[in-house]
Amino acid sequence: MNSQSSAATQVVTVDVLAAEGLIDSGYRYLDVRTVEEFKKGHVDVANILNIPYLFITPEGRVKNPEFLEQVMSVCSKEDRLIVGCQSGVRSLAATTDLVSAGFKDVRDMGGGYLAWVGNGLQATKPKEEL
């Protein structure tokens, strides 16, 4: 047994259709994309949070050092969360961190926002400027 992968084995990834059903049943959606990405369009659900997992800097992408603290300021470890990003990479890392921090019911949304939109699910997008 490899003890290093124990946290990763606790991460559950669901597809966007399953995620939609879980959100409809009361799960909260945590979008871990940047604020700029979020403003360009996001999953259209009532109970949504945007807490970036990474920041884009001139040096490249940098992990948000306060990510867990920011999530814990608005969520309890018992809250049921679906974590999503643009394509599924950041949300998997963020979900792994949340599970490792003791969050009990967190699911990674595989494929992210791109898969959500690609499956024709509701998204909020800004109105085009004229």
C-alpha atoms as a PDB file:
ATOM      1  CA  MET A   1       0.000   0.000   0.000  1.00  0.00           C
ATOM      2  CA  ASN A   2       1.208   3.454  -0.841  1.00  0.00           C
ATOM      3  CA  SER A   3       0.378   5.843   2.000  1.00  0.00           C
ATOM      4  CA  GLN A   4       1.170   8.889  -0.148  1.00  0.00           C
ATOM      5  CA  SER A   5      -1.855   8.270  -2.363  1.00  0.00           C
ATOM      6  CA  SER A   6      -4.340   7.817   0.486  1.00  0.00           C
ATOM      7  CA  ALA A   7      -5.729  11.357   0.188  1.00  0.00           C
ATOM      8  CA  ALA A   8      -6.031  11.041  -3.586  1.00  0.00           C
ATOM      9  CA  THR A   9      -8.001   7.802  -3.247  1.00  0.00           C
ATOM     10  CA  GLN A  10     -10.595   9.655  -1.163  1.00  0.00           C
ATOM     11  CA  VAL A  11     -11.300  12.136  -3.966  1.00  0.00           C
ATOM     12  CA  VAL A  12     -14.487  11.353  -5.857  1.00  0.00           C
ATOM     13  CA  THR A  13     -14.799  12.745  -9.384  1.00  0.00           C
ATOM     14  CA  VAL A  14     -18.264  12.980 -10.927  1.00  0.00           C
ATOM     15  CA  ASP A  15     -19.265  13.975 -14.441  1.00  0.00           C
ATOM     16  CA  VAL A  16     -21.179  17.199 -15.065  1.00  0.00           C
ATOM     17  CA  LEU A  17     -24.576  15.484 -15.281  1.00  0.00           C
ATOM     18  CA  ALA A  18     -24.059  13.818 -11.898  1.00  0.00           C
ATOM     19  CA  ALA A  19     -22.758  17.140 -10.536  1.00  0.00           C
ATOM     20  CA  GLU A  20     -25.919  18.891 -11.723  1.00  0.00           C
ATOM     21  CA  GLY A  21     -28.038  16.328  -9.873  1.00  0.00           C
ATOM     22  CA  LEU A  22     -25.990  16.739  -6.689  1.00  0.00           C
ATOM     23  CA  ILE A  23     -26.269  20.533  -6.912  1.00  0.00           C
ATOM     24  CA  ASP A  24     -30.036  20.185  -7.367  1.00  0.00           C
ATOM     25  CA  SER A  25     -30.093  18.016  -4.226  1.00  0.00           C
ATOM     26  CA  GLY A  26     -28.387  20.699  -2.119  1.00  0.00           C
ATOM     27  CA  TYR A  27     -24.659  20.566  -2.837  1.00  0.00           C
ATOM     28  CA  ARG A  28     -22.920  23.942  -3.024  1.00  0.00           C
ATOM     29  CA  TYR A  29     -20.826  24.701  -6.135  1.00  0.00           C
ATOM     30  CA  LEU A  30     -17.292  25.972  -5.523  1.00  0.00           C
ATOM     31  CA  ASP A  31     -15.717  27.468  -8.655  1.00  0.00           C
ATOM     32  CA  VAL A  32     -11.931  27.548  -8.173  1.00  0.00           C
ATOM     33  CA  ARG A  33     -11.117  29.489 -11.353  1.00  0.00           C
ATOM     34  CA  THR A  34      -9.759  33.026 -11.289  1.00  0.00           C
ATOM     35  CA  VAL A  35     -12.187  35.911 -10.773  1.00  0.00           C
ATOM     36  CA  GLU A  36     -11.554  36.955 -14.396  1.00  0.00           C
ATOM     37  CA  GLU A  37     -12.476  33.495 -15.713  1.00  0.00           C
ATOM     38  CA  PHE A  38     -15.555  33.420 -13.473  1.00  0.00           C
ATOM     39  CA  LYS A  39     -16.746  36.774 -14.836  1.00  0.00           C
ATOM     40  CA  LYS A  40     -16.481  35.480 -18.428  1.00  0.00           C
ATOM     41  CA  GLY A  41     -19.024  32.769 -17.633  1.00  0.00           C
ATOM     42  CA  HIS A  42     -19.868  30.291 -14.913  1.00  0.00           C
ATOM     43  CA  VAL A  43     -22.169  27.459 -13.941  1.00  0.00           C
ATOM     44  CA  ASP A  44     -25.645  28.928 -13.435  1.00  0.00           C
ATOM     45  CA  VAL A  45     -26.727  27.646 -10.021  1.00  0.00           C
ATOM     46  CA  ALA A  46     -28.149  29.419  -6.984  1.00  0.00           C
ATOM     47  CA  ASN A  47     -25.588  28.326  -4.401  1.00  0.00           C
ATOM     48  CA  ILE A  48     -22.220  29.224  -5.959  1.00  0.00           C
ATOM     49  CA  LEU A  49     -18.905  30.444  -4.557  1.00  0.00           C
ATOM     50  CA  ASN A  50     -15.826  31.659  -6.429  1.00  0.00           C
ATOM     51  CA  ILE A  51     -12.568  31.132  -4.537  1.00  0.00           C
ATOM     52  CA  PRO A  52      -9.542  30.905  -6.846  1.00  0.00           C
ATOM     53  CA  TYR A  53      -7.179  27.969  -6.298  1.00  0.00           C
ATOM     54  CA  LEU A  54      -4.472  29.545  -8.462  1.00  0.00           C
ATOM     55  CA  PHE A  55      -3.607  33.109  -9.376  1.00  0.00           C
ATOM     56  CA  ILE A  56      -2.184  34.067 -12.746  1.00  0.00           C
ATOM     57  CA  THR A  57       0.909  36.219 -12.227  1.00  0.00           C
ATOM     58  CA  PRO A  58       3.646  37.496 -14.556  1.00  0.00           C
ATOM     59  CA  GLU A  59       5.719  34.534 -13.310  1.00  0.00           C
ATOM     60  CA  GLY A  60       2.950  32.055 -14.184  1.00  0.00           C
ATOM     61  CA  ARG A  61       0.289  30.313 -12.111  1.00  0.00           C
ATOM     62  CA  VAL A  62       0.768  30.502  -8.361  1.00  0.00           C
ATOM     63  CA  LYS A  63      -1.280  28.610  -5.775  1.00  0.00           C
ATOM     64  CA  ASN A  64      -3.521  30.806  -3.636  1.00  0.00           C
ATOM     65  CA  PRO A  65      -1.795  30.528  -0.229  1.00  0.00           C
ATOM     66  CA  GLU A  66      -5.068  31.342   1.553  1.00  0.00           C
ATOM     67  CA  PHE A  67      -7.324  28.980  -0.412  1.00  0.00           C
ATOM     68  CA  LEU A  68      -8.199  26.641   2.483  1.00  0.00           C
ATOM     69  CA  GLU A  69      -8.603  29.544   4.905  1.00  0.00           C
ATOM     70  CA  GLN A  70     -10.926  31.333   2.474  1.00  0.00           C
ATOM     71  CA  VAL A  71     -13.051  28.218   1.935  1.00  0.00           C
ATOM     72  CA  MET A  72     -13.235  27.551   5.685  1.00  0.00           C
ATOM     73  CA  SER A  73     -14.385  31.148   6.272  1.00  0.00           C
ATOM     74  CA  VAL A  74     -17.591  30.457   4.286  1.00  0.00           C
ATOM     75  CA  CYS A  75     -18.007  26.653   4.481  1.00  0.00           C
ATOM     76  CA  SER A  76     -17.896  24.072   7.246  1.00  0.00           C
ATOM     77  CA  LYS A  77     -16.122  20.747   6.838  1.00  0.00           C
ATOM     78  CA  GLU A  78     -19.572  19.104   6.853  1.00  0.00           C
ATOM     79  CA  ASP A  79     -20.862  21.150   3.895  1.00  0.00           C
ATOM     80  CA  ARG A  80     -21.540  19.198   0.718  1.00  0.00           C
ATOM     81  CA  LEU A  81     -19.440  20.700  -2.082  1.00  0.00           C
ATOM     82  CA  ILE A  82     -18.966  20.220  -5.813  1.00  0.00           C
ATOM     83  CA  VAL A  83     -15.633  21.716  -6.920  1.00  0.00           C
ATOM     84  CA  GLY A  84     -15.223  22.853 -10.509  1.00  0.00           C
ATOM     85  CA  CYS A  85     -12.766  24.803 -12.657  1.00  0.00           C
ATOM     86  CA  GLN A  86     -12.294  25.346 -16.406  1.00  0.00           C
ATOM     87  CA  SER A  87     -11.363  21.821 -17.508  1.00  0.00           C
ATOM     88  CA  GLY A  88     -10.954  19.708 -14.366  1.00  0.00           C
ATOM     89  CA  VAL A  89      -7.263  20.031 -13.461  1.00  0.00           C
ATOM     90  CA  ARG A  90      -7.427  22.734 -10.762  1.00  0.00           C
ATOM     91  CA  SER A  91     -10.619  21.329  -9.265  1.00  0.00           C
ATOM     92  CA  LEU A  92      -8.964  17.939  -8.762  1.00  0.00           C
ATOM     93  CA  ALA A  93      -6.034  19.579  -6.935  1.00  0.00           C
ATOM     94  CA  ALA A  94      -8.394  21.785  -4.895  1.00  0.00           C
ATOM     95  CA  THR A  95     -10.629  18.818  -4.001  1.00  0.00           C
ATOM     96  CA  THR A  96      -7.565  16.841  -2.898  1.00  0.00           C
ATOM     97  CA  ASP A  97      -6.528  19.737  -0.616  1.00  0.00           C
ATOM     98  CA  LEU A  98     -10.043  20.031   0.832  1.00  0.00           C
ATOM     99  CA  VAL A  99     -10.311  16.290   1.530  1.00  0.00           C
ATOM    100  CA  SER A 100      -6.838  16.341   3.109  1.00  0.00           C
ATOM    101  CA  ALA A 101      -7.972  19.264   5.296  1.00  0.00           C
ATOM    102  CA  GLY A 102     -10.883  17.194   6.631  1.00  0.00           C
ATOM    103  CA  PHE A 103     -13.805  18.193   4.414  1.00  0.00           C
ATOM    104  CA  LYS A 104     -16.107  15.191   4.491  1.00  0.00           C
ATOM    105  CA  ASP A 105     -18.329  15.419   1.390  1.00  0.00           C
ATOM    106  CA  VAL A 106     -16.492  17.068  -1.503  1.00  0.00           C
ATOM    107  CA  ARG A 107     -16.741  15.971  -5.138  1.00  0.00           C
ATOM    108  CA  ASP A 108     -14.562  17.025  -8.053  1.00  0.00           C
ATOM    109  CA  MET A 109     -16.502  17.891 -11.216  1.00  0.00           C
ATOM    110  CA  GLY A 110     -14.631  16.199 -14.050  1.00  0.00           C
ATOM    111  CA  GLY A 111     -14.284  18.225 -17.235  1.00  0.00           C
ATOM    112  CA  GLY A 112     -15.078  21.516 -15.500  1.00  0.00           C
ATOM    113  CA  TYR A 113     -16.961  24.449 -16.936  1.00  0.00           C
ATOM    114  CA  LEU A 114     -16.067  23.458 -20.507  1.00  0.00           C
ATOM    115  CA  ALA A 115     -17.795  20.079 -20.068  1.00  0.00           C
ATOM    116  CA  TRP A 116     -20.751  21.765 -18.315  1.00  0.00           C
ATOM    117  CA  VAL A 117     -21.309  24.094 -21.295  1.00  0.00           C
ATOM    118  CA  GLY A 118     -20.490  21.307 -23.765  1.00  0.00           C
ATOM    119  CA  ASN A 119     -23.350  19.255 -22.311  1.00  0.00           C
ATOM    120  CA  GLY A 120     -25.799  22.122 -22.791  1.00  0.00           C
ATOM    121  CA  LEU A 121     -26.246  22.862 -19.090  1.00  0.00           C
ATOM    122  CA  GLN A 122     -27.193  26.327 -17.809  1.00  0.00           C
ATOM    123  CA  ALA A 123     -24.351  28.856 -17.710  1.00  0.00           C
ATOM    124  CA  THR A 124     -24.269  32.547 -16.886  1.00  0.00           C
ATOM    125  CA  LYS A 125     -22.337  34.616 -19.409  1.00  0.00           C
ATOM    126  CA  PRO A 126     -21.913  38.392 -19.584  1.00  0.00           C
ATOM    127  CA  LYS A 127     -23.937  40.221 -22.175  1.00  0.00           C
ATOM    128  CA  GLU A 128     -21.896  41.060 -25.274  1.00  0.00           C
ATOM    129  CA  GLU A 129     -20.804  44.681 -25.423  1.00  0.00           C
ATOM    130  CA  LEU A 130     -22.187  46.558 -28.401  1.00  0.00           C
END
